[in-house]
Structure formats: structure tokens, C-alpha cells
PDB file of N, CA and C in Angstrom:
ATOM      1  N   VAL A   1     -29.038 108.126-143.379  1.00  0.00           N
ATOM      2  CA  VAL A   1     -29.907 108.813-142.720  1.00  0.00           C
ATOM      3  C   VAL A   1     -30.939 109.524-143.614  1.00  0.00           C
ATOM      4  N   LEU A   2     -30.278 110.106-144.870  1.00  0.00           N
ATOM      5  CA  LEU A   2     -31.332 110.634-145.740  1.00  0.00           C
ATOM      6  C   LEU A   2     -32.138 109.593-146.526  1.00  0.00           C
ATOM      7  N   ALA A   3     -31.585 108.370-146.559  1.00  0.00           N
ATOM      8  CA  ALA A   3     -32.522 107.452-147.421  1.00  0.00           C
ATOM      9  C   ALA A   3     -33.604 106.988-146.541  1.00  0.00           C
ATOM     10  N   CYS A   4     -33.369 107.048-145.113  1.00  0.00           N
ATOM     11  CA  CYS A   4     -34.705 107.005-144.221  1.00  0.00           C
ATOM     12  C   CYS A   4     -35.624 107.956-144.231  1.00  0.00           C
ATOM     13  N   SER A   5     -35.201 109.279-144.464  1.00  0.00           N
ATOM     14  CA  SER A   5     -36.252 110.302-144.217  1.00  0.00           C
ATOM     15  C   SER A   5     -37.273 110.302-145.421  1.00  0.00           C
ATOM     16  N   GLY A   6     -37.059 109.610-146.333  1.00  0.00           N
ATOM     17  CA  GLY A   6     -37.845 109.658-147.438  1.00  0.00           C
ATOM     18  C   GLY A   6     -37.685 110.520-148.520  1.00  0.00           C
ATOM     19  N   ARG A   7     -36.654 111.362-148.384  1.00  0.00           N
ATOM     20  CA  ARG A   7     -36.235 112.289-149.563  1.00  0.00           C
ATOM     21  C   ARG A   7     -34.916 111.286-150.306  1.00  0.00           C
ATOM     22  N   PRO A   8     -34.887 111.788-151.566  1.00  0.00           N
ATOM     23  CA  PRO A   8     -33.744 111.112-152.210  1.00  0.00           C
ATOM     24  C   PRO A   8     -32.541 111.860-151.746  1.00  0.00           C
ATOM     25  N   LYS A   9     -31.316 111.496-151.926  1.00  0.00           N
ATOM     26  CA  LYS A   9     -30.086 112.052-151.637  1.00  0.00           C
ATOM     27  C   LYS A   9     -29.760 113.371-152.281  1.00  0.00           C
ATOM     28  N   ASP A  10     -29.938 113.065-153.595  1.00  0.00           N
ATOM     29  CA  ASP A  10     -29.640 114.189-154.424  1.00  0.00           C
ATOM     30  C   ASP A  10     -30.757 114.937-154.952  1.00  0.00           C
ATOM     31  N   GLU A  11     -31.802 115.503-153.636  1.00  0.00           N
ATOM     32  CA  GLU A  11     -32.652 116.368-154.052  1.00  0.00           C
ATOM     33  C   GLU A  11     -32.199 117.779-154.713  1.00  0.00           C
ATOM     34  N   GLY A  12     -32.499 118.032-155.603  1.00  0.00           N
ATOM     35  CA  GLY A  12     -31.965 119.403-156.183  1.00  0.00           C
ATOM     36  C   GLY A  12     -32.609 120.735-155.756  1.00  0.00           C
ATOM     37  N   LEU A  13     -31.996 121.548-156.051  1.00  0.00           N
ATOM     38  CA  LEU A  13     -32.535 122.843-155.728  1.00  0.00           C
ATOM     39  C   LEU A  13     -33.677 123.179-156.136  1.00  0.00           C
ATOM     40  N   GLY A  14     -34.070 122.840-157.325  1.00  0.00           N
ATOM     41  CA  GLY A  14     -35.521 122.930-157.850  1.00  0.00           C
ATOM     42  C   GLY A  14     -36.533 122.188-156.866  1.00  0.00           C
ATOM     43  N   GLY A  15     -36.211 120.802-156.488  1.00  0.00           N
ATOM     44  CA  GLY A  15     -36.979 120.058-155.586  1.00  0.00           C
ATOM     45  C   GLY A  15     -37.316 120.697-154.326  1.00  0.00           C
ATOM     46  N   ARG A  16     -36.136 121.289-153.863  1.00  0.00           N
ATOM     47  CA  ARG A  16     -36.326 121.908-152.339  1.00  0.00           C
ATOM     48  C   ARG A  16     -37.238 123.210-152.535  1.00  0.00           C
ATOM     49  N   LEU A  17     -36.914 123.836-153.630  1.00  0.00           N
ATOM     50  CA  LEU A  17     -37.769 125.328-153.818  1.00  0.00           C
ATOM     51  C   LEU A  17     -39.243 124.927-154.306  1.00  0.00           C
ATOM     52  N   ALA A  18     -39.510 123.880-154.576  1.00  0.00           N
ATOM     53  CA  ALA A  18     -40.838 123.379-155.073  1.00  0.00           C
ATOM     54  C   ALA A  18     -41.534 122.860-153.593  1.00  0.00           C
ATOM     55  N   ARG A  19     -40.691 122.057-152.767  1.00  0.00           N
ATOM     56  CA  ARG A  19     -41.387 121.612-151.335  1.00  0.00           C
ATOM     57  C   ARG A  19     -41.340 122.864-150.551  1.00  0.00           C
ATOM     58  N   LEU A  20     -40.545 123.886-150.583  1.00  0.00           N
ATOM     59  CA  LEU A  20     -40.863 124.902-149.751  1.00  0.00           C
ATOM     60  C   LEU A  20     -41.866 125.877-150.204  1.00  0.00           C
ATOM     61  N   SER A  21     -42.084 126.034-151.629  1.00  0.00           N
ATOM     62  CA  SER A  21     -43.170 126.722-151.930  1.00  0.00           C
ATOM     63  C   SER A  21     -44.422 126.104-151.621  1.00  0.00           C
ATOM     64  N   ARG A  22     -44.560 124.611-151.710  1.00  0.00           N
ATOM     65  CA  ARG A  22     -45.793 124.036-151.230  1.00  0.00           C
ATOM     66  C   ARG A  22     -46.094 124.285-149.754  1.00  0.00           C
ATOM     67  N   ARG A  23     -45.055 124.233-148.822  1.00  0.00           N
ATOM     68  CA  ARG A  23     -45.319 124.544-147.607  1.00  0.00           C
ATOM     69  C   ARG A  23     -45.535 125.974-147.294  1.00  0.00           C
ATOM     70  N   ALA A  24     -45.114 126.908-148.079  1.00  0.00           N
ATOM     71  CA  ALA A  24     -45.641 128.319-147.871  1.00  0.00           C
ATOM     72  C   ALA A  24     -46.916 128.500-148.278  1.00  0.00           C
ATOM     73  N   GLU A  25     -47.298 127.837-149.397  1.00  0.00           N
ATOM     74  CA  GLU A  25     -48.730 127.798-149.791  1.00  0.00           C
ATOM     75  C   GLU A  25     -49.651 127.505-148.405  1.00  0.00           C
ATOM     76  N   ASP A  26     -49.277 125.977-148.026  1.00  0.00           N
ATOM     77  CA  ASP A  26     -49.923 125.584-147.141  1.00  0.00           C
ATOM     78  C   ASP A  26     -50.254 126.562-145.674  1.00  0.00           C
ATOM     79  N   LEU A  27     -48.860 127.085-145.455  1.00  0.00           N
ATOM     80  CA  LEU A  27     -48.977 128.048-144.522  1.00  0.00           C
ATOM     81  C   LEU A  27     -49.809 129.219-144.612  1.00  0.00           C
ATOM     82  N   LYS A  28     -49.901 129.721-145.887  1.00  0.00           N
ATOM     83  CA  LYS A  28     -50.682 130.776-146.172  1.00  0.00           C
ATOM     84  C   LYS A  28     -52.354 130.545-146.217  1.00  0.00           C
ATOM     85  N   GLU A  29     -52.602 129.280-146.509  1.00  0.00           N
ATOM     86  CA  GLU A  29     -53.888 128.707-146.319  1.00  0.00           C
ATOM     87  C   GLU A  29     -54.249 128.738-144.986  1.00  0.00           C
ATOM     88  N   GLU A  30     -53.332 128.129-144.108  1.00  0.00           N
ATOM     89  CA  GLU A  30     -53.757 128.022-142.559  1.00  0.00           C
ATOM     90  C   GLU A  30     -53.901 129.332-141.981  1.00  0.00           C
ATOM     91  N   VAL A  31     -53.110 130.419-142.523  1.00  0.00           N
ATOM     92  CA  VAL A  31     -53.133 131.583-141.977  1.00  0.00           C
ATOM     93  C   VAL A  31     -54.523 132.257-142.332  1.00  0.00           C
ATOM     94  N   CYS A  32     -54.876 132.184-143.754  1.00  0.00           N
ATOM     95  CA  CYS A  32     -56.136 132.643-144.011  1.00  0.00           C
ATOM     96  C   CYS A  32     -57.253 132.061-143.419  1.00  0.00           C
ATOM     97  N   SER A  33     -57.236 130.641-143.242  1.00  0.00           N
ATOM     98  CA  SER A  33     -58.240 129.999-142.580  1.00  0.00           C
ATOM     99  C   SER A  33     -58.369 130.401-141.340  1.00  0.00           C
ATOM    100  N   MET A  34     -57.506 130.654-140.292  1.00  0.00           N
ATOM    101  CA  MET A  34     -57.415 131.141-139.138  1.00  0.00           C
ATOM    102  C   MET A  34     -57.900 132.631-138.828  1.00  0.00           C
ATOM    103  N   ILE A  35     -57.519 133.576-139.917  1.00  0.00           N
ATOM    104  CA  ILE A  35     -58.060 134.796-139.769  1.00  0.00           C
ATOM    105  C   ILE A  35     -59.460 134.923-140.314  1.00  0.00           C
ATOM    106  N   ASN A  36     -59.938 134.050-141.216  1.00  0.00           N
ATOM    107  CA  ASN A  36     -61.410 134.043-141.456  1.00  0.00           C
ATOM    108  C   ASN A  36     -62.018 133.223-140.296  1.00  0.00           C
ATOM    109  N   GLN A  37     -61.703 132.372-139.694  1.00  0.00           N
ATOM    110  CA  GLN A  37     -62.183 131.853-138.658  1.00  0.00           C
ATOM    111  C   GLN A  37     -62.391 132.883-137.172  1.00  0.00           C
ATOM    112  N   ARG A  38     -61.186 133.402-137.069  1.00  0.00           N
ATOM    113  CA  ARG A  38     -61.196 134.622-136.019  1.00  0.00           C
ATOM    114  C   ARG A  38     -62.249 135.770-136.505  1.00  0.00           C
ATOM    115  N   TYR A  39     -62.367 136.036-137.624  1.00  0.00           N
ATOM    116  CA  TYR A  39     -63.310 137.193-138.112  1.00  0.00           C
ATOM    117  C   TYR A  39     -64.596 136.833-137.825  1.00  0.00           C
ATOM    118  N   VAL A  40     -65.097 135.481-138.199  1.00  0.00           N
ATOM    119  CA  VAL A  40     -66.307 135.030-138.120  1.00  0.00           C
ATOM    120  C   VAL A  40     -66.413 135.059-136.618  1.00  0.00           C
ATOM    121  N   GLU A  41     -65.768 134.814-135.648  1.00  0.00           N
ATOM    122  CA  GLU A  41     -66.056 134.846-134.320  1.00  0.00           C
ATOM    123  C   GLU A  41     -66.218 136.050-133.737  1.00  0.00           C
ATOM    124  N   PHE A  42     -65.317 136.938-134.353  1.00  0.00           N
ATOM    125  CA  PHE A  42     -65.334 138.497-133.802  1.00  0.00           C
ATOM    126  C   PHE A  42     -66.356 139.232-134.306  1.00  0.00           C
ATOM    127  N   LEU A  43     -67.099 138.939-135.423  1.00  0.00           N
ATOM    128  CA  LEU A  43     -68.084 139.753-136.177  1.00  0.00           C
ATOM    129  C   LEU A  43     -69.218 139.810-135.352  1.00  0.00           C
ATOM    130  N   PRO A  44     -69.913 138.717-134.817  1.00  0.00           N
ATOM    131  CA  PRO A  44     -71.069 139.001-133.795  1.00  0.00           C
ATOM    132  C   PRO A  44     -70.874 139.829-132.738  1.00  0.00           C
ATOM    133  N   SER A  45     -69.650 139.773-132.037  1.00  0.00           N
ATOM    134  CA  SER A  45     -69.119 140.676-130.847  1.00  0.00           C
ATOM    135  C   SER A  45     -69.085 141.936-131.426  1.00  0.00           C
ATOM    136  N   MET A  46     -68.658 142.293-132.490  1.00  0.00           N
ATOM    137  CA  MET A  46     -68.531 143.618-133.173  1.00  0.00           C
ATOM    138  C   MET A  46     -69.958 144.316-133.387  1.00  0.00           C
ATOM    139  N   GLN A  47     -70.824 143.482-134.013  1.00  0.00           N
ATOM    140  CA  GLN A  47     -72.263 143.769-134.300  1.00  0.00           C
ATOM    141  C   GLN A  47     -72.778 144.185-132.966  1.00  0.00           C
ATOM    142  N   SER A  48     -72.655 143.294-131.973  1.00  0.00           N
ATOM    143  CA  SER A  48     -73.254 143.609-130.666  1.00  0.00           C
ATOM    144  C   SER A  48     -72.901 144.746-130.045  1.00  0.00           C
ATOM    145  N   ALA A  49     -71.517 145.109-130.223  1.00  0.00           N
ATOM    146  CA  ALA A  49     -71.169 146.242-129.745  1.00  0.00           C
ATOM    147  C   ALA A  49     -71.641 147.491-130.390  1.00  0.00           C
ATOM    148  N   LYS A  50     -71.862 147.366-131.763  1.00  0.00           N
ATOM    149  CA  LYS A  50     -72.308 148.493-132.458  1.00  0.00           C
ATOM    150  C   LYS A  50     -73.835 148.789-132.135  1.00  0.00           C
ATOM    151  N   ASP A  51     -74.645 147.668-131.755  1.00  0.00           N
ATOM    152  CA  ASP A  51     -76.042 147.704-131.393  1.00  0.00           C
ATOM    153  C   ASP A  51     -76.118 148.605-130.000  1.00  0.00           C
ATOM    154  N   LEU A  52     -75.086 148.057-129.281  1.00  0.00           N
ATOM    155  CA  LEU A  52     -75.139 148.712-127.918  1.00  0.00           C
ATOM    156  C   LEU A  52     -74.846 150.231-127.999  1.00  0.00           C
ATOM    157  N   GLU A  53     -73.974 150.541-128.982  1.00  0.00           N
ATOM    158  CA  GLU A  53     -73.590 151.595-128.991  1.00  0.00           C
ATOM    159  C   GLU A  53     -74.709 152.558-129.415  1.00  0.00           C
ATOM    160  N   SER A  54     -75.440 151.909-130.591  1.00  0.00           N
ATOM    161  CA  SER A  54     -76.714 152.748-130.997  1.00  0.00           C
ATOM    162  C   SER A  54     -77.750 152.778-129.884  1.00  0.00           C
ATOM    163  N   GLN A  55     -77.907 151.842-129.057  1.00  0.00           N
ATOM    164  CA  GLN A  55     -78.721 151.799-127.952  1.00  0.00           C
ATOM    165  C   GLN A  55     -78.577 153.018-126.997  1.00  0.00           C
ATOM    166  N   VAL A  56     -77.089 153.239-126.720  1.00  0.00           N
ATOM    167  CA  VAL A  56     -76.875 154.229-125.810  1.00  0.00           C
ATOM    168  C   VAL A  56     -77.099 155.607-126.532  1.00  0.00           C
ATOM    169  N   GLU A  57     -76.693 155.765-127.780  1.00  0.00           N
ATOM    170  CA  GLU A  57     -76.954 156.987-128.433  1.00  0.00           C
ATOM    171  C   GLU A  57     -78.407 157.365-128.335  1.00  0.00           C
ATOM    172  N   GLU A  58     -79.116 156.268-128.469  1.00  0.00           N
ATOM    173  CA  GLU A  58     -80.669 156.868-128.468  1.00  0.00           C
ATOM    174  C   GLU A  58     -80.957 157.216-127.022  1.00  0.00           C
ATOM    175  N   LEU A  59     -80.696 156.432-126.195  1.00  0.00           N
ATOM    176  CA  LEU A  59     -80.833 156.664-124.759  1.00  0.00           C
ATOM    177  C   LEU A  59     -80.145 158.128-124.344  1.00  0.00           C
ATOM    178  N   LEU A  60     -79.134 158.447-124.815  1.00  0.00           N
ATOM    179  CA  LEU A  60     -78.653 159.702-124.539  1.00  0.00           C
ATOM    180  C   LEU A  60     -79.432 160.781-125.221  1.00  0.00           C
ATOM    181  N   ALA A  61     -79.993 160.774-126.135  1.00  0.00           N
ATOM    182  CA  ALA A  61     -80.809 161.620-126.875  1.00  0.00           C
ATOM    183  C   ALA A  61     -82.210 161.833-126.233  1.00  0.00           C
ATOM    184  N   GLY A  62     -82.808 160.650-125.904  1.00  0.00           N
ATOM    185  CA  GLY A  62     -83.775 160.630-125.001  1.00  0.00           C
ATOM    186  C   GLY A  62     -83.650 161.397-123.616  1.00  0.00           C
ATOM    187  N   ILE A  63     -82.763 161.159-123.004  1.00  0.00           N
ATOM    188  CA  ILE A  63     -82.301 161.767-121.770  1.00  0.00           C
ATOM    189  C   ILE A  63     -82.255 163.468-121.951  1.00  0.00           C
ATOM    190  N   GLU A  64     -81.527 163.616-123.007  1.00  0.00           N
ATOM    191  CA  GLU A  64     -81.234 165.094-123.544  1.00  0.00           C
ATOM    192  C   GLU A  64     -82.751 165.848-123.556  1.00  0.00           C
ATOM    193  N   GLN A  65     -83.729 165.186-124.362  1.00  0.00           N
ATOM    194  CA  GLN A  65     -84.914 165.718-124.813  1.00  0.00           C
ATOM    195  C   GLN A  65     -85.681 165.754-123.303  1.00  0.00           C
ATOM    196  N   LEU A  66     -85.652 164.816-122.635  1.00  0.00           N
ATOM    197  CA  LEU A  66     -86.206 165.008-121.244  1.00  0.00           C
ATOM    198  C   LEU A  66     -85.852 165.960-120.508  1.00  0.00           C
ATOM    199  N   ARG A  67     -84.597 166.121-120.310  1.00  0.00           N
ATOM    200  CA  ARG A  67     -83.835 167.201-119.381  1.00  0.00           C
ATOM    201  C   ARG A  67     -84.248 168.717-119.870  1.00  0.00           C
ATOM    202  N   SER A  68     -84.390 168.789-121.344  1.00  0.00           N
ATOM    203  CA  SER A  68     -84.649 170.110-121.821  1.00  0.00           C
ATOM    204  C   SER A  68     -86.242 170.287-121.544  1.00  0.00           C
ATOM    205  N   ARG A  69     -86.954 169.198-121.748  1.00  0.00           N
ATOM    206  CA  ARG A  69     -88.413 169.590-121.280  1.00  0.00           C
ATOM    207  C   ARG A  69     -88.660 169.982-119.906  1.00  0.00           C
ATOM    208  N   ILE A  70     -88.151 169.220-119.105  1.00  0.00           N
ATOM    209  CA  ILE A  70     -88.077 169.309-117.672  1.00  0.00           C
ATOM    210  C   ILE A  70     -87.728 170.971-117.369  1.00  0.00           C
ATOM    211  N   GLU A  71     -86.337 171.164-117.860  1.00  0.00           N
ATOM    212  CA  GLU A  71     -85.893 172.654-117.610  1.00  0.00           C
ATOM    213  C   GLU A  71     -86.866 173.644-118.089  1.00  0.00           C
ATOM    214  N   ASN A  72     -87.339 173.578-119.193  1.00  0.00           N
ATOM    215  CA  ASN A  72     -88.535 174.362-119.801  1.00  0.00           C
ATOM    216  C   ASN A  72     -89.654 174.455-118.652  1.00  0.00           C
ATOM    217  N   GLU A  73     -90.304 173.346-118.412  1.00  0.00           N
ATOM    218  CA  GLU A  73     -91.439 173.298-117.435  1.00  0.00           C
ATOM    219  C   GLU A  73     -91.195 173.954-116.129  1.00  0.00           C
ATOM    220  N   VAL A  74     -89.845 173.644-115.681  1.00  0.00           N
ATOM    221  CA  VAL A  74     -89.507 174.132-114.396  1.00  0.00           C
ATOM    222  C   VAL A  74     -89.312 175.644-114.417  1.00  0.00           C
ATOM    223  N   GLN A  75     -89.009 176.239-115.627  1.00  0.00           N
ATOM    224  CA  GLN A  75     -88.486 177.403-115.711  1.00  0.00           C
ATOM    225  C   GLN A  75     -90.010 178.356-115.908  1.00  0.00           C
ATOM    226  N   GLN A  76     -90.786 177.642-116.644  1.00  0.00           N
ATOM    227  CA  GLN A  76     -92.176 178.198-116.694  1.00  0.00           C
ATOM    228  C   GLN A  76     -92.891 178.485-115.355  1.00  0.00           C
ATOM    229  N   ASP A  77     -92.869 177.239-114.627  1.00  0.00           N
ATOM    230  CA  ASP A  77     -93.414 177.223-113.288  1.00  0.00           C
ATOM    231  C   ASP A  77     -92.699 178.235-112.499  1.00  0.00           C
ATOM    232  N   LEU A  78     -91.532 178.489-112.523  1.00  0.00           N
ATOM    233  CA  LEU A  78     -90.789 179.387-111.620  1.00  0.00           C
ATOM    234  C   LEU A  78     -91.171 180.863-111.996  1.00  0.00           C
ATOM    235  N   ASN A  79     -91.283 181.049-113.165  1.00  0.00           N
ATOM    236  CA  ASN A  79     -91.659 182.351-113.790  1.00  0.00           C
ATOM    237  C   ASN A  79     -93.180 182.675-113.131  1.00  0.00           C
ATOM    238  N   VAL A  80     -93.945 181.693-113.094  1.00  0.00           N
ATOM    239  CA  VAL A  80     -95.484 181.870-112.836  1.00  0.00           C
ATOM    240  C   VAL A  80     -95.340 182.059-111.202  1.00  0.00           C
ATOM    241  N   ALA A  81     -94.434 181.473-110.462  1.00  0.00           N
ATOM    242  CA  ALA A  81     -94.365 181.371-109.023  1.00  0.00           C
ATOM    243  C   ALA A  81     -93.875 183.094-108.675  1.00  0.00           C
ATOM    244  N   ILE A  82     -92.949 183.237-109.495  1.00  0.00           N
ATOM    245  CA  ILE A  82     -92.328 184.593-109.221  1.00  0.00           C
ATOM    246  C   ILE A  82     -93.455 185.628-109.266  1.00  0.00           C
ATOM    247  N   ALA A  83     -93.966 185.447-110.450  1.00  0.00           N
ATOM    248  CA  ALA A  83     -95.231 186.562-110.600  1.00  0.00           C
ATOM    249  C   ALA A  83     -96.271 186.556-109.493  1.00  0.00           C
ATOM    250  N   ASP A  84     -96.675 185.281-109.178  1.00  0.00           N
ATOM    251  CA  ASP A  84     -97.681 185.251-108.164  1.00  0.00           C
ATOM    252  C   ASP A  84     -96.895 185.668-106.752  1.00  0.00           C
ATOM    253  N   PHE A  85     -96.024 185.259-106.540  1.00  0.00           N
ATOM    254  CA  PHE A  85     -95.219 186.106-105.327  1.00  0.00           C
ATOM    255  C   PHE A  85     -95.054 187.605-105.180  1.00  0.00           C
ATOM    256  N   ALA A  86     -95.042 188.260-106.368  1.00  0.00           N
ATOM    257  CA  ALA A  86     -94.827 189.709-106.645  1.00  0.00           C
ATOM    258  C   ALA A  86     -96.266 190.142-106.316  1.00  0.00           C
ATOM    259  N   ASP A  87     -97.229 189.458-106.999  1.00  0.00           N
ATOM    260  CA  ASP A  87     -98.766 189.978-106.719  1.00  0.00           C
ATOM    261  C   ASP A  87     -99.180 189.854-105.147  1.00  0.00           C
ATOM    262  N   LEU A  88     -98.685 188.585-104.543  1.00  0.00           N
ATOM    263  CA  LEU A  88     -98.895 188.532-102.995  1.00  0.00           C
ATOM    264  C   LEU A  88     -98.353 189.459-102.233  1.00  0.00           C
ATOM    265  N   LYS A  89     -97.250 189.856-102.585  1.00  0.00           N
ATOM    266  CA  LYS A  89     -96.357 190.838-101.838  1.00  0.00           C
ATOM    267  C   LYS A  89     -97.108 192.174-101.800  1.00  0.00           C
ATOM    268  N   GLN A  90     -97.315 192.422-103.112  1.00  0.00           N
ATOM    269  CA  GLN A  90     -98.298 193.881-103.354  1.00  0.00           C
ATOM    270  C   GLN A  90     -99.431 193.759-102.493  1.00  0.00           C
ATOM    271  N   GLN A  91    -100.170 192.635-102.611  1.00  0.00           N
ATOM    272  CA  GLN A  91    -101.404 192.689-101.586  1.00  0.00           C
ATOM    273  C   GLN A  91    -101.056 192.704-100.129  1.00  0.00           C
ATOM    274  N   LEU A  92    -100.253 192.093 -99.675  1.00  0.00           N
ATOM    275  CA  LEU A  92     -99.839 192.145 -98.301  1.00  0.00           C
ATOM    276  C   LEU A  92     -99.504 193.645 -97.972  1.00  0.00           C
ATOM    277  N   GLU A  93     -98.810 194.285 -98.721  1.00  0.00           N
ATOM    278  CA  GLU A  93     -98.410 195.654 -98.512  1.00  0.00           C
ATOM    279  C   GLU A  93     -99.572 196.705 -98.288  1.00  0.00           C
ATOM    280  N   ARG A  94    -100.551 196.394 -99.464  1.00  0.00           N
ATOM    281  CA  ARG A  94    -101.708 197.134 -99.281  1.00  0.00           C
ATOM    282  C   ARG A  94    -102.671 196.849 -97.893  1.00  0.00           C
ATOM    283  N   GLU A  95    -102.502 195.504 -97.740  1.00  0.00           N
ATOM    284  CA  GLU A  95    -103.208 194.968 -96.406  1.00  0.00           C
ATOM    285  C   GLU A  95    -102.499 195.560 -95.172  1.00  0.00           C
ATOM    286  N   VAL A  96    -101.448 195.622 -95.272  1.00  0.00           N
ATOM    287  CA  VAL A  96    -100.796 196.256 -94.095  1.00  0.00           C
ATOM    288  C   VAL A  96    -100.842 197.672 -94.048  1.00  0.00           C
ATOM    289  N   LEU A  97    -100.995 198.354 -95.008  1.00  0.00           N
ATOM    290  CA  LEU A  97    -101.318 199.656 -95.205  1.00  0.00           C
ATOM    291  C   LEU A  97    -102.737 200.011 -94.616  1.00  0.00           C
ATOM    292  N   VAL A  98    -103.605 199.171 -95.077  1.00  0.00           N
ATOM    293  CA  VAL A  98    -104.934 199.236 -94.624  1.00  0.00           C
ATOM    294  C   VAL A  98    -105.107 199.080 -93.087  1.00  0.00           C
ATOM    295  N   LEU A  99    -104.540 198.145 -92.626  1.00  0.00           N
ATOM    296  CA  LEU A  99    -104.501 197.757 -91.268  1.00  0.00           C
ATOM    297  C   LEU A  99    -103.956 199.064 -90.446  1.00  0.00           C
ATOM    298  N   SER A 100    -102.849 199.483 -91.021  1.00  0.00           N
ATOM    299  CA  SER A 100    -102.235 200.668 -90.129  1.00  0.00           C
ATOM    300  C   SER A 100    -103.296 201.982 -90.028  1.00  0.00           C
ATOM    301  N   VAL A 101    -103.789 202.087 -91.147  1.00  0.00           N
ATOM    302  CA  VAL A 101    -104.715 203.272 -91.351  1.00  0.00           C
ATOM    303  C   VAL A 101    -105.985 202.907 -90.416  1.00  0.00           C
ATOM    304  N   LEU A 102    -106.489 201.617 -90.309  1.00  0.00           N
ATOM    305  CA  LEU A 102    -107.540 201.287 -89.529  1.00  0.00           C
ATOM    306  C   LEU A 102    -107.173 201.385 -88.190  1.00  0.00           C
ATOM    307  N   LYS A 103    -106.239 201.173 -87.636  1.00  0.00           N
ATOM    308  CA  LYS A 103    -105.301 201.336 -86.515  1.00  0.00           C
ATOM    309  C   LYS A 103    -105.382 202.623 -85.986  1.00  0.00           C
ATOM    310  N   GLN A 104    -104.929 203.578 -86.877  1.00  0.00           N
ATOM    311  CA  GLN A 104    -104.813 205.055 -86.560  1.00  0.00           C
ATOM    312  C   GLN A 104    -106.369 205.540 -86.468  1.00  0.00           C
ATOM    313  N   LEU A 105    -107.235 205.229 -87.279  1.00  0.00           N
ATOM    314  CA  LEU A 105    -108.749 205.491 -86.932  1.00  0.00           C
ATOM    315  C   LEU A 105    -109.222 205.048 -85.734  1.00  0.00           C
ATOM    316  N   GLN A 106    -108.956 203.830 -85.326  1.00  0.00           N
ATOM    317  CA  GLN A 106    -109.285 203.276 -83.901  1.00  0.00           C
ATOM    318  C   GLN A 106    -108.737 204.107 -83.013  1.00  0.00           C
ATOM    319  N   GLU A 107    -107.519 204.405 -82.887  1.00  0.00           N
ATOM    320  CA  GLU A 107    -106.730 205.251 -81.953  1.00  0.00           C
ATOM    321  C   GLU A 107    -107.362 206.695 -81.985  1.00  0.00           C
ATOM    322  N   PHE A 108    -107.763 207.107 -83.023  1.00  0.00           N
ATOM    323  CA  PHE A 108    -108.438 208.512 -83.045  1.00  0.00           C
ATOM    324  C   PHE A 108    -109.743 208.348 -82.523  1.00  0.00           C
ATOM    325  N   ASP A 109    -110.423 207.403 -82.821  1.00  0.00           N
ATOM    326  CA  ASP A 109    -111.826 207.153 -82.247  1.00  0.00           C
ATOM    327  C   ASP A 109    -111.822 206.947 -80.731  1.00  0.00           C
ATOM    328  N   THR A 110    -110.823 206.297 -80.256  1.00  0.00           N
ATOM    329  CA  THR A 110    -110.639 205.949 -78.666  1.00  0.00           C
ATOM    330  C   THR A 110    -110.217 207.385 -78.194  1.00  0.00           C
ATOM    331  N   ALA A 111    -109.391 208.176 -78.758  1.00  0.00           N
ATOM    332  CA  ALA A 111    -109.101 209.517 -78.193  1.00  0.00           C
ATOM    333  C   ALA A 111    -110.358 210.330 -78.116  1.00  0.00           C
ATOM    334  N   LEU A 112    -111.274 210.356 -79.039  1.00  0.00           N
ATOM    335  CA  LEU A 112    -112.278 211.218 -79.149  1.00  0.00           C
ATOM    336  C   LEU A 112    -113.341 210.901 -78.116  1.00  0.00           C
ATOM    337  N   LYS A 113    -113.404 209.536 -77.573  1.00  0.00           N
ATOM    338  CA  LYS A 113    -114.465 209.204 -76.564  1.00  0.00           C
ATOM    339  C   LYS A 113    -113.987 209.576 -75.148  1.00  0.00           C
TER     340      LYS A 113
END
């Protein structure tokens, strides 16, 4: 059986060790080749993910700036509206007072006639 296998019968320990060493080197080369191939396939996907992450960060920064601007503008508009409301309230109170005085004067005039 050994004669048919292509190996001499009396292959020594050195021969077996050399054959196993070659096989180990071949396996190492295959593993390195597979790792390199997988890395080459993975690299574009990783770069794409980094690009997307960068775009998301830019978008978040833009959203935060916009939110801050809107908040500031709304707060300013709210302050103006509050001041306008206070002024209108004072004007209304004065007008109500004037109307009350005019009504009393009318009643007094009617009473005199």
C-alpha cells in the first residue's frame, strides 16, 4: 500500500518533518491570502460606514445649529409679543377708565337735564 502512495516506505522523521513544514507553510500562505482577500472586500464597506458616520455627524451639527437659531428667534419674538401684550393691556385699561368716566359724565349730564 505504501508503495502505491508515492512515498517511500522508509521515509524518515526528517522527511515527514519537511513535508509537514511545507504543508504548514502552504496553509499559512492560504490563510494570509484569505485574510487579505477578506480585508480587501471589507475595506470599502468600512470606508462607506465611516463616510456615512461623518455625514450623520455633519447632519446632527446642522440640526443642532438650526434648533438653536429657531429657539433664539422664537424667544425673541415671544419677548416682543409679551411686551406688546403688556402695552395693549395698559391701553385697554386706560380706555376702559376713560369710558367709565365718560359714562359717569353722561349720567351726570342726563341727571342735570
